[in-house]
């Protein structure tokens, strides 16, 4: 079980993204490059299928980073 306050309000996602703009800009860049390579190569190419890996990875890493930042924000607000 996780410890902590139940029902605590998490900060808006936009606020969390503004805190760590460089990370989220890199995630977006990875996503766009992978998507562009998929569009330009087509489903007959191995590049198209390999581009799914960075697409999924960037989405998962962005989600995990948002979760980490929100937990950190809640932890910091408890000390106030």
N, C-alpha and C. Protein backbone atom coordinates (compact mmCIF):
# COMPACT_ATOMS: atom_id res chain seq x y z
N UNK A 1 0.83 -1.19 0.00
CA UNK A 1 0.00 0.00 0.00
C UNK A 1 0.87 1.24 0.00
N UNK A 2 0.36 2.25 -0.62
CA UNK A 2 1.09 3.51 -0.63
C UNK A 2 0.72 4.34 0.58
N UNK A 3 1.70 5.00 1.11
CA UNK A 3 1.42 5.87 2.24
C UNK A 3 1.14 7.28 1.73
N UNK A 4 0.55 8.09 2.56
CA UNK A 4 0.27 9.46 2.17
C UNK A 4 -1.18 9.79 2.38
N UNK A 5 -1.50 11.00 2.03
CA UNK A 5 -2.87 11.47 2.22
C UNK A 5 -3.74 10.94 1.10
N UNK A 6 -4.91 10.51 1.45
CA UNK A 6 -5.85 10.02 0.45
C UNK A 6 -6.73 11.18 0.02
N UNK A 7 -6.97 11.29 -1.26
CA UNK A 7 -7.84 12.33 -1.77
C UNK A 7 -7.17 13.68 -1.88
N UNK A 8 -5.86 13.74 -1.81
CA UNK A 8 -5.17 15.02 -1.92
C UNK A 8 -5.26 15.52 -3.35
N UNK A 9 -5.48 16.80 -3.49
CA UNK A 9 -5.61 17.40 -4.82
C UNK A 9 -4.25 17.49 -5.47
N UNK A 10 -4.17 16.98 -6.69
CA UNK A 10 -2.91 17.06 -7.44
C UNK A 10 -2.91 18.35 -8.25
N UNK A 11 -1.73 18.90 -8.47
CA UNK A 11 -1.65 20.12 -9.27
C UNK A 11 -2.02 19.85 -10.73
N UNK A 12 -2.45 20.86 -11.45
CA UNK A 12 -2.79 20.68 -12.86
C UNK A 12 -1.58 20.23 -13.68
N UNK A 13 -1.84 19.47 -14.72
CA UNK A 13 -0.77 18.92 -15.55
C UNK A 13 0.05 20.04 -16.19
N UNK A 14 -0.60 21.12 -16.60
CA UNK A 14 0.11 22.24 -17.22
C UNK A 14 1.16 22.84 -16.30
N UNK A 15 0.85 22.90 -15.02
CA UNK A 15 1.80 23.43 -14.04
C UNK A 15 3.00 22.50 -13.92
N UNK A 16 2.74 21.20 -13.93
CA UNK A 16 3.82 20.23 -13.82
C UNK A 16 4.72 20.27 -15.05
N UNK A 17 4.12 20.42 -16.22
CA UNK A 17 4.90 20.48 -17.46
C UNK A 17 5.76 21.74 -17.48
N UNK A 18 5.25 22.84 -16.98
CA UNK A 18 6.03 24.09 -16.93
C UNK A 18 7.24 23.96 -16.01
N UNK A 19 7.14 23.11 -14.99
CA UNK A 19 8.26 22.93 -14.07
C UNK A 19 9.44 22.24 -14.74
N UNK A 20 9.15 21.39 -15.69
CA UNK A 20 10.20 20.58 -16.31
C UNK A 20 10.04 20.62 -17.83
N UNK A 21 10.09 21.82 -18.39
CA UNK A 21 9.83 22.02 -19.81
C UNK A 21 10.81 21.28 -20.71
N UNK A 22 12.07 21.21 -20.32
CA UNK A 22 13.09 20.59 -21.17
C UNK A 22 12.80 19.10 -21.36
N UNK A 23 12.47 18.40 -20.28
CA UNK A 23 12.16 16.97 -20.39
C UNK A 23 10.97 16.74 -21.31
N UNK A 24 9.91 17.51 -21.12
CA UNK A 24 8.72 17.30 -21.93
C UNK A 24 8.93 17.74 -23.38
N UNK A 25 9.80 18.71 -23.60
CA UNK A 25 10.13 19.10 -24.98
C UNK A 25 10.90 17.97 -25.66
N UNK A 26 11.79 17.31 -24.94
CA UNK A 26 12.51 16.18 -25.51
C UNK A 26 11.58 14.99 -25.78
N UNK A 27 10.65 14.73 -24.87
CA UNK A 27 9.67 13.67 -25.11
C UNK A 27 8.85 13.98 -26.36
N UNK A 28 8.44 15.23 -26.51
CA UNK A 28 7.66 15.62 -27.69
C UNK A 28 8.49 15.50 -28.96
N UNK A 29 9.75 15.86 -28.91
CA UNK A 29 10.62 15.75 -30.07
C UNK A 29 10.80 14.29 -30.49
N UNK A 30 11.01 13.41 -29.53
CA UNK A 30 11.14 11.98 -29.82
C UNK A 30 9.86 11.47 -30.47
N UNK A 31 8.72 11.87 -29.91
CA UNK A 31 7.42 11.44 -30.43
C UNK A 31 7.23 11.92 -31.87
N UNK A 32 7.55 13.18 -32.14
CA UNK A 32 7.35 13.75 -33.48
C UNK A 32 8.28 13.11 -34.50
N UNK A 33 9.53 12.87 -34.13
CA UNK A 33 10.48 12.25 -35.06
C UNK A 33 10.05 10.82 -35.38
N UNK A 34 9.62 10.08 -34.38
CA UNK A 34 9.16 8.72 -34.62
C UNK A 34 7.91 8.71 -35.49
N UNK A 35 7.00 9.63 -35.23
CA UNK A 35 5.78 9.71 -36.02
C UNK A 35 6.08 10.11 -37.46
N UNK A 36 7.00 11.05 -37.65
CA UNK A 36 7.38 11.47 -39.00
C UNK A 36 8.04 10.32 -39.76
N UNK A 37 8.88 9.56 -39.09
CA UNK A 37 9.51 8.43 -39.77
C UNK A 37 8.48 7.38 -40.15
N UNK A 38 7.45 7.22 -39.35
CA UNK A 38 6.38 6.29 -39.69
C UNK A 38 5.60 6.77 -40.90
N UNK A 39 5.33 8.06 -40.95
CA UNK A 39 4.56 8.62 -42.06
C UNK A 39 5.34 8.53 -43.36
N UNK A 40 6.62 8.83 -43.33
CA UNK A 40 7.40 8.88 -44.56
C UNK A 40 7.84 7.50 -45.06
N UNK A 41 7.92 6.50 -44.20
CA UNK A 41 8.39 5.19 -44.66
C UNK A 41 7.25 4.27 -45.06
N UNK A 42 6.13 4.32 -44.37
CA UNK A 42 5.01 3.44 -44.70
C UNK A 42 5.11 2.10 -43.98
N UNK A 43 4.00 1.38 -43.93
CA UNK A 43 3.95 0.14 -43.14
C UNK A 43 4.77 -1.02 -43.73
N UNK A 44 5.29 -0.89 -44.92
CA UNK A 44 6.09 -1.95 -45.50
C UNK A 44 7.54 -1.93 -45.04
N UNK A 45 7.95 -0.91 -44.33
CA UNK A 45 9.34 -0.76 -43.92
C UNK A 45 9.52 -1.18 -42.46
N UNK A 46 10.70 -1.67 -42.18
CA UNK A 46 11.05 -2.05 -40.80
C UNK A 46 11.13 -0.82 -39.90
N UNK A 47 11.48 0.33 -40.48
CA UNK A 47 11.56 1.58 -39.71
C UNK A 47 10.19 1.94 -39.15
N UNK A 48 9.15 1.71 -39.93
CA UNK A 48 7.79 1.99 -39.48
C UNK A 48 7.48 1.21 -38.21
N UNK A 49 7.81 -0.07 -38.19
CA UNK A 49 7.49 -0.90 -37.04
C UNK A 49 8.42 -0.64 -35.86
N UNK A 50 9.67 -0.30 -36.13
CA UNK A 50 10.59 0.03 -35.04
C UNK A 50 10.25 1.39 -34.41
N UNK A 51 9.57 2.24 -35.14
CA UNK A 51 9.21 3.56 -34.60
C UNK A 51 8.14 3.46 -33.51
N UNK A 52 7.48 2.33 -33.41
CA UNK A 52 6.51 2.15 -32.33
C UNK A 52 7.20 2.17 -30.96
N UNK A 53 8.43 1.67 -30.90
CA UNK A 53 9.14 1.64 -29.62
C UNK A 53 9.35 3.02 -29.02
N UNK A 54 9.91 4.00 -29.77
CA UNK A 54 10.05 5.32 -29.16
C UNK A 54 8.72 6.03 -28.94
N UNK A 55 7.71 5.72 -29.75
CA UNK A 55 6.39 6.32 -29.52
C UNK A 55 5.85 5.90 -28.16
N UNK A 56 5.85 4.61 -27.93
CA UNK A 56 5.32 4.09 -26.67
C UNK A 56 6.20 4.51 -25.50
N UNK A 57 7.51 4.46 -25.70
CA UNK A 57 8.43 4.82 -24.62
C UNK A 57 8.28 6.28 -24.22
N UNK A 58 8.13 7.17 -25.18
CA UNK A 58 8.00 8.59 -24.84
C UNK A 58 6.68 8.86 -24.11
N UNK A 59 5.62 8.18 -24.49
CA UNK A 59 4.35 8.35 -23.77
C UNK A 59 4.44 7.83 -22.34
N UNK A 60 5.05 6.67 -22.17
CA UNK A 60 5.19 6.09 -20.83
C UNK A 60 6.09 6.96 -19.96
N UNK A 61 7.20 7.41 -20.51
CA UNK A 61 8.12 8.24 -19.73
C UNK A 61 7.49 9.58 -19.36
N UNK A 62 6.72 10.17 -20.27
CA UNK A 62 6.04 11.43 -19.95
C UNK A 62 5.02 11.23 -18.83
N UNK A 63 4.26 10.15 -18.91
CA UNK A 63 3.28 9.85 -17.87
C UNK A 63 3.96 9.63 -16.52
N UNK A 64 5.05 8.85 -16.52
CA UNK A 64 5.77 8.60 -15.27
C UNK A 64 6.38 9.88 -14.71
N UNK A 65 6.86 10.77 -15.58
CA UNK A 65 7.45 12.04 -15.12
C UNK A 65 6.38 12.92 -14.50
N UNK A 66 5.18 12.95 -15.09
CA UNK A 66 4.08 13.73 -14.52
C UNK A 66 3.71 13.18 -13.15
N UNK A 67 3.62 11.86 -13.04
CA UNK A 67 3.31 11.25 -11.75
C UNK A 67 4.36 11.58 -10.70
N UNK A 68 5.63 11.51 -11.09
CA UNK A 68 6.72 11.82 -10.16
C UNK A 68 6.66 13.28 -9.71
N UNK A 69 6.44 14.18 -10.66
CA UNK A 69 6.38 15.60 -10.31
C UNK A 69 5.18 15.91 -9.42
N UNK A 70 4.05 15.25 -9.67
CA UNK A 70 2.88 15.52 -8.83
C UNK A 70 3.08 14.99 -7.42
N UNK A 71 3.72 13.80 -7.29
CA UNK A 71 4.01 13.30 -5.95
C UNK A 71 4.99 14.21 -5.22
N UNK A 72 5.97 14.71 -5.95
CA UNK A 72 6.95 15.61 -5.35
C UNK A 72 6.28 16.92 -4.92
N UNK A 73 5.37 17.41 -5.72
CA UNK A 73 4.64 18.64 -5.39
C UNK A 73 3.79 18.44 -4.14
N UNK A 74 3.13 17.28 -4.05
CA UNK A 74 2.33 17.00 -2.86
C UNK A 74 3.21 16.86 -1.62
N UNK A 75 4.34 16.22 -1.78
CA UNK A 75 5.28 16.06 -0.67
C UNK A 75 5.78 17.42 -0.19
N UNK A 76 6.09 18.30 -1.15
CA UNK A 76 6.57 19.64 -0.78
C UNK A 76 5.49 20.46 -0.11
N UNK A 77 4.23 20.26 -0.51
CA UNK A 77 3.15 21.05 0.11
C UNK A 77 2.88 20.59 1.53
N UNK A 78 3.20 19.35 1.87
CA UNK A 78 2.99 18.86 3.24
C UNK A 78 3.97 19.52 4.22
N UNK A 79 5.11 19.97 3.74
CA UNK A 79 6.09 20.59 4.62
C UNK A 79 5.77 22.07 4.91
N UNK A 80 4.85 22.64 4.16
CA UNK A 80 4.51 24.06 4.39
C UNK A 80 3.71 24.28 5.64
